[in-house]
Amino acid sequence: MISATPAVSPAFLDWAFAGAALDGGQSGDLHVVIPLRRGALLGVIDGLGHGTEAAEAAREAAAILVERAEEPLDELFKWCHEGLRKTRGAVMSLVAIDAPTSSVQWCGVGNVEGLLLPATPGRARGSITCRGGVVGYRLPPLKVNTVALAPRDLLLLATDGIRTDFPGDIDLDEPPQSIADQILARFAPGSDDALVLVARFLGGPP
């Protein structure tokens, strides 16, 4: 499994991921968790198809995100779009956490699903608005939304190798690694590369 994940301060974020490649080969699904001055950039990238070429596209996008992580989300998508033109392309969703204001900005192109699951009852779930397109081939008009966070809220990002009815009845109070492992075990039918990233916002400074 490929990763671009410098350590993020546990003072405000607890995260984990689980993933599997189709038929045990090279996965085209990749996650990034990158520290920022005010928080962190989270992303899940799905190189089109599977195998070596899909993995190459995902790695190229991850390298661009690491290099330019402090830029606005719409600019990150544009940089990735240019950088992936000579690859088969990818779909991805990005989440920029701003720890001091307890908020996230998020945006998606393609079908990497993103959910915000509130820790307290009475608050509505949130989901990323993903626009149809392929980064590196056809970039749609981008829609970046801002959503409030509260301590213990969960952010989940999953590729289309995870069924859309996740997380089902999984106990969301468990640690992120346990949640990610259960989602992969129960909601990945094994017909494609699969990856899920789970992050719990703990509040506090970056």
Foldseek 3Di string as FASTA:
>chain_A
DDEAEDDDDPPWKAKDKDWAFQVRAAALWYWYWAADQQGIKIKIKFQPAGHDLSVVLSVQLRVLCNVPVHDDPVVSLVVSLVSCLVGSFIWMKMWDARQVQQKIKIWTEDDWKKKKAAPDPPDDIDIHDYHYDTRNGDDDDIDIDMDGHDAFIKMKTKDVLFPPPPPPPDDSVDRNVVSNVSSCVPGRPSPGIIMMMMMGTHGDGD
